[in-house]
């Protein structure tokens, strides 16, 4: 295999190794890192992986992207990550011992409809699968280079708790997590703010998620501050988060098929475009994916792009606060990686498009060769509303006896609009329904079940600070809390 190096979508700098970009997040020129080529997996190699454990499969996939980490070290990191002890929060009634069990719901319109359960981690959300890996990779790399790291993150709901549970107690790591004040579910708030670890700092920003994400971006664009305070990120702008999610696309395909070359489709609830971007990477590596379905909520800027070719940001005041809050995002940071491939990896054109986005608030690819490539890459999309979520939660419960969270309901609603007879459709789960009690109660007339370890969560003491939507305030707090 050819060695993989990483370059910025904006074209600046020289190619770097996985270990060199792991602790950074954004590239110095403000772009996102991508591999200089997508490593290919042949049909024969894929078949040889069919009966691997999740950890062994993860090692095979990651080794293609992390080739500067000794294979034995990588294997140890992965096997310490994907264990029954870490991923033991299976939902009620699921006796599977798998890290990410694949459930056949049934057949609809001549299509097998699957649900990929991704919520068995410590925070009951799909982000645990990549975040737990990232925490162990960070600790390994920091020990190698003798450094400490200050992580600055932004969350619309699940990223924050997944990051904090992955980083708590990690040597040499301090976490500053920004969240939109008053815009997460009570469970999500309690899960984050009930942590009282000395290396975790929760900051509730007076604004929306996009404001939090913009603060992270602006802080990390300050090259001197970033170096002086060893700033790193855990949001999906960090490439390691994306590659950690690529694994379960391979895992799901291997469980849903029984022979080489069989195509499947995936539906992914999407706000920041990281999860479905991982599916795009898997497809580019050779995984037989027919269609990648992007499911959005009322903040449907991605659906608008895939329908019209115009990607139009919404200002914070026009970003809806919905019942699937983890998708309440109007600027998807990972979308840049996909646009880079759409423009055939031309960093000059990419930089011009994002200057226009920052200036005019939109990117217009309608009628271009770049937009035509959307279909070549197998992307379609759809929108789900609150009423759709409620109806889908009821429908899935009545038909299959399974309760799904509102984001997964968004995905299943849109998945049903894009079924192709004979091609299995795999819907990716976002989280366990316990995190979103209000809408489950509305839909089914009773609260969702939750693992025993989370009983009484909302009553626990909470530790956080409300802060203004201001970059300088966040910088000052980082300086104060990391002094000495």
Protein backbone atom coordinates (compact mmCIF):
# COMPACT_ATOMS: atom_id res chain seq x y z
CA UNK A 1 0.00 0.00 0.00
CA UNK A 2 1.17 3.51 -0.80
CA UNK A 3 1.88 5.67 2.24
CA UNK A 4 -0.94 8.11 3.06
CA UNK A 5 -0.18 11.76 3.71
CA UNK A 6 -2.57 14.56 4.56
CA UNK A 7 -3.11 17.89 2.85
CA UNK A 8 -5.40 20.85 3.49
CA UNK A 9 -8.52 21.43 1.42
CA UNK A 10 -7.27 25.01 1.00
CA UNK A 11 -3.92 23.85 -0.43
CA UNK A 12 -1.55 25.35 2.12
CA UNK A 13 1.43 23.65 3.74
CA UNK A 14 3.23 20.44 2.90
CA UNK A 15 1.88 16.88 3.14
CA UNK A 16 1.91 15.55 6.70
CA UNK A 17 1.49 12.23 8.47
CA UNK A 18 -1.50 11.06 10.49
CA UNK A 19 0.33 11.56 13.79
CA UNK A 20 1.30 15.10 12.79
CA UNK A 21 -2.31 16.17 12.12
CA UNK A 22 -3.92 14.17 14.94
CA UNK A 23 -3.53 16.85 17.59
CA UNK A 24 -4.35 19.81 15.35
CA UNK A 25 -7.86 19.80 13.91
CA UNK A 26 -7.94 22.64 11.39
CA UNK A 27 -4.96 23.09 9.08
CA UNK A 28 -2.98 26.33 9.56
CA UNK A 29 -4.58 27.82 6.42
CA UNK A 30 -8.08 27.28 7.83
CA UNK A 31 -8.81 24.23 5.70
CA UNK A 32 -9.62 20.66 6.71
CA UNK A 33 -7.21 17.77 6.37
CA UNK A 34 -7.89 14.95 3.92
CA UNK A 35 -5.69 12.06 2.80
CA UNK A 36 -3.86 12.70 -0.45
CA UNK A 37 -5.61 9.59 -1.77
CA UNK A 38 -8.25 7.21 -0.53
CA UNK A 39 -6.66 3.81 0.20
CA UNK A 40 -8.38 1.10 -1.80
CA UNK A 41 -9.83 -2.11 -0.41
CA UNK A 42 -10.21 -4.90 -2.96
CA UNK A 43 -13.17 -7.27 -3.09
CA UNK A 44 -10.91 -10.10 -1.94
CA UNK A 45 -9.62 -8.09 1.03
CA UNK A 46 -13.17 -7.15 1.96
CA UNK A 47 -14.26 -10.79 1.92
CA UNK A 48 -11.31 -11.73 4.12
CA UNK A 49 -12.68 -9.33 6.77
CA UNK A 50 -16.16 -10.87 6.88
CA UNK A 51 -15.83 -12.70 10.20
CA UNK A 52 -13.48 -10.31 12.02
CA UNK A 53 -14.41 -8.85 15.39
CA UNK A 54 -15.20 -5.14 15.44
CA UNK A 55 -11.77 -4.38 16.94
CA UNK A 56 -9.91 -6.46 14.37
CA UNK A 57 -11.89 -4.88 11.53
CA UNK A 58 -11.15 -1.43 12.97
CA UNK A 59 -7.43 -2.24 12.99
CA UNK A 60 -7.54 -3.23 9.31
CA UNK A 61 -9.37 -0.05 8.29
CA UNK A 62 -7.33 2.32 10.45
CA UNK A 63 -3.99 0.84 9.40
CA UNK A 64 -4.64 2.21 5.92
CA UNK A 65 -4.84 5.76 7.26
CA UNK A 66 -2.48 5.65 10.27
CA UNK A 67 0.52 4.01 8.62
CA UNK A 68 3.03 6.01 10.69
CA UNK A 69 1.79 4.35 13.90
CA UNK A 70 3.42 0.94 14.49
CA UNK A 71 0.83 -1.74 13.75
CA UNK A 72 1.23 -3.44 17.13
CA UNK A 73 0.66 -0.11 18.90
CA UNK A 74 -2.38 0.61 16.75
CA UNK A 75 -3.81 -2.82 17.46
CA UNK A 76 -3.36 -2.31 21.21
CA UNK A 77 -5.10 1.09 21.07
CA UNK A 78 -8.02 -0.30 19.09
CA UNK A 79 -8.48 -3.37 21.27
CA UNK A 80 -8.42 -1.18 24.40
CA UNK A 81 -11.15 0.97 22.82
CA UNK A 82 -13.70 -1.49 21.47
CA UNK A 83 -14.45 -3.65 24.48
CA UNK A 84 -17.70 -4.91 26.05
CA UNK A 85 -16.85 -2.88 29.16
CA UNK A 86 -16.77 0.39 27.21
CA UNK A 87 -19.64 -0.45 24.85
CA UNK A 88 -21.89 -2.31 27.25
CA UNK A 89 -24.93 -0.01 27.33
CA UNK A 90 -27.12 -2.11 25.02
CA UNK A 91 -30.71 -0.90 24.88
CA UNK A 92 -33.34 -2.90 26.76
CA UNK A 93 -34.16 -6.17 25.04
CA UNK A 94 -30.94 -6.28 22.98
CA UNK A 95 -28.84 -9.22 24.12
CA UNK A 96 -26.25 -8.82 21.36
CA UNK A 97 -22.65 -8.67 22.53
CA UNK A 98 -21.56 -6.83 19.38
CA UNK A 99 -20.08 -3.35 19.58
CA UNK A 100 -22.43 -2.11 16.83
CA UNK A 101 -25.17 -4.70 16.25
CA UNK A 102 -27.08 -4.62 12.96
CA UNK A 103 -30.81 -5.33 13.29
CA UNK A 104 -33.06 -6.34 10.41
CA UNK A 105 -36.28 -4.45 11.04
CA UNK A 106 -38.21 -6.03 8.18
CA UNK A 107 -39.02 -5.72 4.50
CA UNK A 108 -40.61 -2.59 3.07
CA UNK A 109 -41.36 -2.11 -0.64
CA UNK A 110 -39.22 -5.07 -1.58
CA UNK A 111 -36.25 -3.78 0.41
CA UNK A 112 -34.66 -5.10 3.57
CA UNK A 113 -34.62 -2.24 6.09
CA UNK A 114 -31.88 -2.46 8.72
CA UNK A 115 -31.04 -0.39 11.78
CA UNK A 116 -27.36 -0.12 12.71
CA UNK A 117 -27.26 0.30 16.50
CA UNK A 118 -24.46 2.73 17.35
CA UNK A 119 -25.52 3.83 20.83
CA UNK A 120 -24.03 1.27 23.22
CA UNK A 121 -21.17 3.51 24.34
CA UNK A 122 -20.85 5.41 27.63
CA UNK A 123 -22.98 8.38 26.49
CA UNK A 124 -25.57 6.39 24.50
CA UNK A 125 -24.74 8.10 21.19
CA UNK A 126 -23.03 7.12 17.94
CA UNK A 127 -20.23 9.60 18.57
CA UNK A 128 -18.79 7.36 21.28
CA UNK A 129 -17.53 4.96 18.61
CA UNK A 130 -15.06 7.46 17.19
CA UNK A 131 -14.57 9.59 20.31
CA UNK A 132 -13.39 6.75 22.53
CA UNK A 133 -10.83 5.91 19.85
CA UNK A 134 -9.78 9.55 19.62
CA UNK A 135 -9.21 9.80 23.37
CA UNK A 136 -6.89 6.79 23.32
CA UNK A 137 -5.07 8.02 20.22
CA UNK A 138 -4.57 11.44 21.84
CA UNK A 139 -3.15 9.94 25.04
CA UNK A 140 -0.82 7.69 23.03
CA UNK A 141 0.49 10.49 20.82
CA UNK A 142 0.90 12.99 23.67
CA UNK A 143 3.05 10.45 25.53
CA UNK A 144 5.13 9.88 22.39
CA UNK A 145 5.93 13.56 21.94
CA UNK A 146 5.91 14.66 25.60
CA UNK A 147 3.14 17.24 25.24
CA UNK A 148 -0.07 18.33 26.88
CA UNK A 149 -3.23 19.30 24.99
CA UNK A 150 -6.03 21.79 25.55
CA UNK A 151 -9.09 20.57 23.69
CA UNK A 152 -11.62 23.17 22.54
CA UNK A 153 -14.90 21.72 21.31
CA UNK A 154 -18.41 22.71 20.33
CA UNK A 155 -21.50 20.56 20.69
CA UNK A 156 -25.13 20.67 19.64
CA UNK A 157 -25.91 17.84 22.04
CA UNK A 158 -23.98 14.57 21.82
CA UNK A 159 -20.43 15.49 20.80
CA UNK A 160 -19.75 17.24 24.10
CA UNK A 161 -20.63 14.40 26.42
CA UNK A 162 -18.98 11.84 24.12
CA UNK A 163 -15.77 13.91 24.15
CA UNK A 164 -15.83 14.47 27.89
CA UNK A 165 -16.43 10.83 28.71
CA UNK A 166 -13.62 9.88 26.31
CA UNK A 167 -11.14 12.44 27.71
CA UNK A 168 -11.97 12.40 31.44
CA UNK A 169 -8.96 11.28 33.43
CA UNK A 170 -6.70 11.23 30.38
CA UNK A 171 -3.16 12.31 31.27
CA UNK A 172 -2.10 15.64 29.76
CA UNK A 173 -5.54 16.62 28.43
CA UNK A 174 -7.88 19.44 29.48
CA UNK A 175 -11.28 19.95 27.78
CA UNK A 176 -13.18 23.21 27.23
CA UNK A 177 -16.58 22.35 25.75
CA UNK A 178 -18.92 24.98 24.32
CA UNK A 179 -22.65 24.29 24.05
CA UNK A 180 -25.64 26.48 23.13
CA UNK A 181 -27.27 27.60 26.38
CA UNK A 182 -30.81 26.24 26.72
CA UNK A 183 -30.86 24.36 23.42
CA UNK A 184 -30.06 20.77 24.39
CA UNK A 185 -32.36 18.13 25.84
CA UNK A 186 -32.45 17.86 29.66
CA UNK A 187 -30.71 14.46 29.45
CA UNK A 188 -27.95 15.85 27.24
CA UNK A 189 -27.43 18.82 29.55
CA UNK A 190 -27.29 16.64 32.66
CA UNK A 191 -24.98 14.12 31.04
CA UNK A 192 -22.39 16.80 30.30
CA UNK A 193 -22.78 19.15 33.23
CA UNK A 194 -22.92 16.47 35.93
CA UNK A 195 -19.28 15.65 35.31
CA UNK A 196 -17.01 17.19 37.94
CA UNK A 197 -13.64 15.99 36.68
CA UNK A 198 -10.86 18.56 37.16
CA UNK A 199 -9.85 18.41 33.48
CA UNK A 200 -13.38 19.17 32.16
CA UNK A 201 -14.72 22.75 31.74
CA UNK A 202 -18.30 23.21 30.46
CA UNK A 203 -19.18 26.60 28.96
CA UNK A 204 -22.80 27.33 27.97
CA UNK A 205 -22.69 29.97 25.23
CA UNK A 206 -25.50 32.51 24.85
CA UNK A 207 -26.23 31.60 21.24
CA UNK A 208 -26.81 28.64 18.92
CA UNK A 209 -24.51 25.77 17.97
CA UNK A 210 -23.19 27.61 14.92
CA UNK A 211 -21.98 30.38 17.26
CA UNK A 212 -20.12 27.78 19.34
CA UNK A 213 -18.61 26.23 16.24
CA UNK A 214 -17.58 29.65 14.94
CA UNK A 215 -15.77 30.42 18.22
CA UNK A 216 -13.81 27.16 17.93
CA UNK A 217 -12.94 27.98 14.33
CA UNK A 218 -11.79 31.52 15.13
CA UNK A 219 -9.71 30.44 18.12
CA UNK A 220 -7.97 27.71 16.12
CA UNK A 221 -7.35 30.12 13.23
CA UNK A 222 -5.26 32.25 15.63
CA UNK A 223 -2.01 30.39 14.93
CA UNK A 224 -0.02 31.99 17.74
CA UNK A 225 -2.71 31.36 20.38
CA UNK A 226 -3.18 27.81 19.13
CA UNK A 227 0.53 27.06 19.54
CA UNK A 228 0.97 28.92 22.82
CA UNK A 229 -1.91 27.06 24.47
CA UNK A 230 -1.62 23.71 22.66
CA UNK A 231 -5.16 23.90 21.27
CA UNK A 232 -6.60 20.76 19.69
CA UNK A 233 -10.13 19.83 18.65
CA UNK A 234 -12.39 16.81 18.97
CA UNK A 235 -15.17 17.98 16.67
CA UNK A 236 -15.43 16.13 13.40
CA UNK A 237 -13.18 18.70 11.76
CA UNK A 238 -10.53 16.41 13.28
CA UNK A 239 -9.81 13.79 10.63
CA UNK A 240 -9.39 11.01 13.21
CA UNK A 241 -13.08 11.41 14.10
CA UNK A 242 -14.06 10.80 10.49
CA UNK A 243 -11.85 7.77 9.97
CA UNK A 244 -13.12 6.32 13.24
CA UNK A 245 -16.62 6.43 11.77
CA UNK A 246 -15.59 4.85 8.45
CA UNK A 247 -15.17 1.57 10.34
CA UNK A 248 -18.84 0.92 11.00
CA UNK A 249 -19.80 1.33 7.34
CA UNK A 250 -17.56 -1.64 6.55
CA UNK A 251 -18.89 -3.47 9.60
CA UNK A 252 -22.52 -2.94 8.55
CA UNK A 253 -21.89 -3.99 4.95
CA UNK A 254 -20.20 -7.19 6.10
CA UNK A 255 -23.18 -8.02 8.34
CA UNK A 256 -25.89 -7.13 5.79
CA UNK A 257 -24.48 -9.03 2.80
CA UNK A 258 -23.39 -12.59 2.16
CA UNK A 259 -21.17 -12.27 -0.88
CA UNK A 260 -18.77 -10.01 -2.79
CA UNK A 261 -19.93 -6.99 -4.72
CA UNK A 262 -23.43 -6.72 -3.21
CA UNK A 263 -24.47 -3.10 -2.93
CA UNK A 264 -26.26 -1.57 0.03
CA UNK A 265 -27.51 1.93 0.77
CA UNK A 266 -27.14 3.96 3.95
CA UNK A 267 -29.33 6.68 5.42
CA UNK A 268 -27.61 9.07 7.82
CA UNK A 269 -29.24 11.77 9.98
CA UNK A 270 -26.94 14.69 9.30
CA UNK A 271 -26.24 18.10 10.78
CA UNK A 272 -22.49 18.69 10.58
CA UNK A 273 -21.97 16.22 7.69
CA UNK A 274 -19.25 14.26 9.51
CA UNK A 275 -21.09 10.94 9.81
CA UNK A 276 -22.21 10.79 6.19
CA UNK A 277 -18.80 12.10 5.08
CA UNK A 278 -17.37 8.92 6.59
CA UNK A 279 -19.75 6.95 4.36
CA UNK A 280 -18.46 8.87 1.36
CA UNK A 281 -14.89 7.94 2.34
CA UNK A 282 -15.88 4.27 2.69
CA UNK A 283 -17.46 4.36 -0.77
CA UNK A 284 -14.35 5.99 -2.24
CA UNK A 285 -12.28 3.19 -0.70
CA UNK A 286 -14.27 0.63 -2.67
CA UNK A 287 -17.09 -0.37 -0.32
CA UNK A 288 -20.09 -1.29 -2.53
CA UNK A 289 -22.47 1.53 -1.56
CA UNK A 290 -25.34 2.31 -3.93
CA UNK A 291 -26.83 5.40 -2.30
CA UNK A 292 -25.93 7.68 0.61
CA UNK A 293 -29.13 9.31 1.85
CA UNK A 294 -28.70 12.54 3.84
CA UNK A 295 -31.58 13.09 6.27
CA UNK A 296 -32.04 16.58 7.69
CA UNK A 297 -34.49 18.19 10.08
CA UNK A 298 -36.08 21.63 9.66
CA UNK A 299 -32.56 23.10 9.44
CA UNK A 300 -32.34 21.60 5.97
CA UNK A 301 -29.50 23.51 4.33
CA UNK A 302 -27.95 20.20 3.22
CA UNK A 303 -31.19 18.97 1.65
CA UNK A 304 -31.44 22.29 -0.18
CA UNK A 305 -27.95 21.77 -1.61
CA UNK A 306 -28.54 18.20 -2.75
CA UNK A 307 -31.82 19.29 -4.34
CA UNK A 308 -30.75 22.57 -5.96
CA UNK A 309 -26.96 22.81 -5.95
CA UNK A 310 -27.05 25.88 -3.71
CA UNK A 311 -25.59 25.66 -0.21
CA UNK A 312 -26.98 28.57 1.76
CA UNK A 313 -26.05 29.24 5.38
CA UNK A 314 -28.73 30.44 7.74
CA UNK A 315 -27.91 33.12 10.32
CA UNK A 316 -28.25 32.06 13.96
CA UNK A 317 -31.60 33.85 14.27
CA UNK A 318 -33.00 31.66 11.49
CA UNK A 319 -31.69 28.36 12.89
CA UNK A 320 -34.63 26.40 14.26
CA UNK A 321 -34.62 24.87 17.73
CA UNK A 322 -36.12 21.46 16.99
CA UNK A 323 -36.96 18.16 18.69
CA UNK A 324 -33.90 16.59 17.03
CA UNK A 325 -31.49 19.16 18.51
CA UNK A 326 -28.19 17.49 17.59
CA UNK A 327 -28.98 18.43 13.97
CA UNK A 328 -29.80 22.09 14.66
CA UNK A 329 -26.88 23.24 12.53
CA UNK A 330 -26.88 25.68 9.63
CA UNK A 331 -23.22 25.50 8.63
CA UNK A 332 -21.92 21.96 8.29
CA UNK A 333 -18.17 22.17 8.81
CA UNK A 334 -17.41 18.78 7.24
CA UNK A 335 -19.22 19.71 4.05
CA UNK A 336 -15.96 21.32 2.93
CA UNK A 337 -14.35 17.89 2.60
CA UNK A 338 -17.11 16.76 0.26
CA UNK A 339 -17.02 19.97 -1.79
CA UNK A 340 -13.27 19.42 -2.19
CA UNK A 341 -13.99 16.11 -3.91
CA UNK A 342 -16.80 17.68 -5.95
CA UNK A 343 -14.37 20.22 -7.42
CA UNK A 344 -11.90 17.40 -8.15
CA UNK A 345 -9.61 18.41 -5.29
CA UNK A 346 -8.81 21.84 -6.69
CA UNK A 347 -7.78 23.86 -3.60
CA UNK A 348 -7.92 27.20 -5.46
CA UNK A 349 -11.53 26.66 -6.52
CA UNK A 350 -12.39 25.37 -3.06
CA UNK A 351 -10.88 28.44 -1.38
CA UNK A 352 -12.78 30.74 -3.77
CA UNK A 353 -16.07 28.98 -2.97
CA UNK A 354 -15.57 29.30 0.78
CA UNK A 355 -14.58 32.95 0.49
CA UNK A 356 -17.91 33.45 -1.27
CA UNK A 357 -19.66 31.52 1.51
CA UNK A 358 -18.11 33.78 4.14
CA UNK A 359 -18.89 36.93 2.14
CA UNK A 360 -22.26 36.20 0.53
CA UNK A 361 -23.57 33.40 2.71
CA UNK A 362 -23.93 30.79 -0.01
CA UNK A 363 -22.15 28.51 -2.49
CA UNK A 364 -23.82 28.03 -5.86
CA UNK A 365 -22.78 24.91 -7.79
CA UNK A 366 -26.07 24.51 -9.65
CA UNK A 367 -25.59 23.65 -13.32
CA UNK A 368 -21.89 22.88 -12.88
CA UNK A 369 -19.89 19.71 -13.48
CA UNK A 370 -19.19 19.70 -9.75
CA UNK A 371 -22.89 19.42 -8.90
CA UNK A 372 -23.28 16.63 -11.47
CA UNK A 373 -20.77 14.63 -9.42
CA UNK A 374 -23.24 14.54 -6.51
CA UNK A 375 -25.16 11.83 -8.38
CA UNK A 376 -21.93 10.06 -9.32
CA UNK A 377 -21.06 9.87 -5.62
CA UNK A 378 -24.52 8.40 -4.92
CA UNK A 379 -25.96 11.19 -2.76
CA UNK A 380 -29.66 11.99 -2.32
CA UNK A 381 -31.45 13.74 0.54
CA UNK A 382 -34.69 14.57 2.29
CA UNK A 383 -36.19 16.58 5.16
CA UNK A 384 -38.12 15.46 8.24
CA UNK A 385 -40.21 17.68 10.51
CA UNK A 386 -41.40 17.34 14.10
CA UNK A 387 -44.67 15.81 12.91
CA UNK A 388 -42.70 13.35 10.77
CA UNK A 389 -40.54 12.40 13.76
CA UNK A 390 -43.52 11.71 15.97
CA UNK A 391 -45.26 9.68 13.25
CA UNK A 392 -42.11 7.65 12.52
CA UNK A 393 -41.44 6.91 16.20
CA UNK A 394 -45.02 5.60 16.45
CA UNK A 395 -44.77 3.63 13.21
CA UNK A 396 -41.47 1.92 14.07
CA UNK A 397 -42.75 1.07 17.54
CA UNK A 398 -46.03 -0.36 16.22
CA UNK A 399 -44.51 -2.30 13.35
CA UNK A 400 -41.23 -3.53 14.84
CA UNK A 401 -41.53 -3.06 18.60
CA UNK A 402 -38.48 -0.78 18.70
CA UNK A 403 -38.29 2.75 20.12
CA UNK A 404 -36.00 5.11 18.21
CA UNK A 405 -34.70 8.55 19.10
CA UNK A 406 -35.90 11.60 17.09
CA UNK A 407 -32.77 11.88 14.94
CA UNK A 408 -32.96 8.22 13.98
CA UNK A 409 -36.65 8.80 13.24
CA UNK A 410 -35.63 11.59 10.85
CA UNK A 411 -33.33 9.09 9.15
CA UNK A 412 -35.94 6.34 8.90
CA UNK A 413 -38.57 8.73 7.52
CA UNK A 414 -36.22 9.83 4.74
CA UNK A 415 -34.88 6.29 4.21
CA UNK A 416 -38.40 5.09 3.40
CA UNK A 417 -38.57 7.69 0.63
CA UNK A 418 -35.45 6.27 -1.07
CA UNK A 419 -35.91 2.51 -0.95
CA UNK A 420 -34.78 0.58 -4.02
CA UNK A 421 -36.15 -2.97 -4.37
CA UNK A 422 -33.44 -5.55 -3.86
CA UNK A 423 -30.88 -3.15 -2.36
CA UNK A 424 -30.73 -3.32 1.46
CA UNK A 425 -31.18 0.02 3.23
CA UNK A 426 -29.21 0.52 6.44
CA UNK A 427 -30.37 3.39 8.67
CA UNK A 428 -27.74 4.63 11.10
CA UNK A 429 -28.88 5.15 14.68
CA UNK A 430 -27.94 8.43 16.34
CA UNK A 431 -28.61 7.79 20.01
CA UNK A 432 -30.72 5.89 22.49
CA UNK A 433 -34.22 7.33 22.94
CA UNK A 434 -33.56 7.81 26.67
CA UNK A 435 -31.77 11.05 25.77
CA UNK A 436 -34.95 12.59 24.35
CA UNK A 437 -37.74 11.78 26.76
CA UNK A 438 -40.17 14.56 25.83
CA UNK A 439 -40.74 13.55 22.22
CA UNK A 440 -40.88 9.84 23.07
CA UNK A 441 -43.56 10.59 25.66
CA UNK A 442 -45.43 12.69 23.08
CA UNK A 443 -45.27 9.95 20.46
CA UNK A 444 -45.87 6.85 22.59
CA UNK A 445 -47.53 8.13 25.74
CA UNK A 446 -44.77 6.95 28.06
CA UNK A 447 -41.13 7.86 28.73
CA UNK A 448 -38.34 5.80 27.16
CA UNK A 449 -36.43 3.18 29.07
CA UNK A 450 -32.89 4.05 30.09
CA UNK A 451 -29.91 2.02 31.36
CA UNK A 452 -29.94 1.75 35.17
CA UNK A 453 -26.70 3.73 35.46
CA UNK A 454 -28.50 6.81 34.14
CA UNK A 455 -31.43 6.76 36.57
CA UNK A 456 -31.74 10.09 38.36
CA UNK A 457 -29.26 11.76 36.01
CA UNK A 458 -31.14 15.05 35.76
CA UNK A 459 -31.15 15.43 39.56
CA UNK A 460 -27.37 15.33 39.87
CA UNK A 461 -25.44 18.50 40.65
CA UNK A 462 -24.40 20.35 37.49
CA UNK A 463 -21.13 22.18 36.86
CA UNK A 464 -21.03 24.79 34.09
CA UNK A 465 -20.63 28.49 33.41
CA UNK A 466 -22.84 30.63 31.16
CA UNK A 467 -20.69 32.82 28.87
CA UNK A 468 -21.37 35.41 26.17
CA UNK A 469 -20.99 34.62 22.47
CA UNK A 470 -17.55 36.20 22.38
CA UNK A 471 -14.22 34.80 21.17
CA UNK A 472 -12.09 36.95 23.47
CA UNK A 473 -14.01 35.76 26.53
CA UNK A 474 -13.31 32.14 25.63
CA UNK A 475 -9.63 32.88 25.03
CA UNK A 476 -9.38 34.61 28.40
CA UNK A 477 -10.97 31.65 30.17
CA UNK A 478 -8.57 29.23 28.46
CA UNK A 479 -5.62 31.33 29.58
CA UNK A 480 -6.92 31.59 33.17
CA UNK A 481 -7.84 27.91 33.56
CA UNK A 482 -4.61 26.56 32.07
CA UNK A 483 -2.22 28.91 33.88
CA UNK A 484 0.43 27.12 35.86
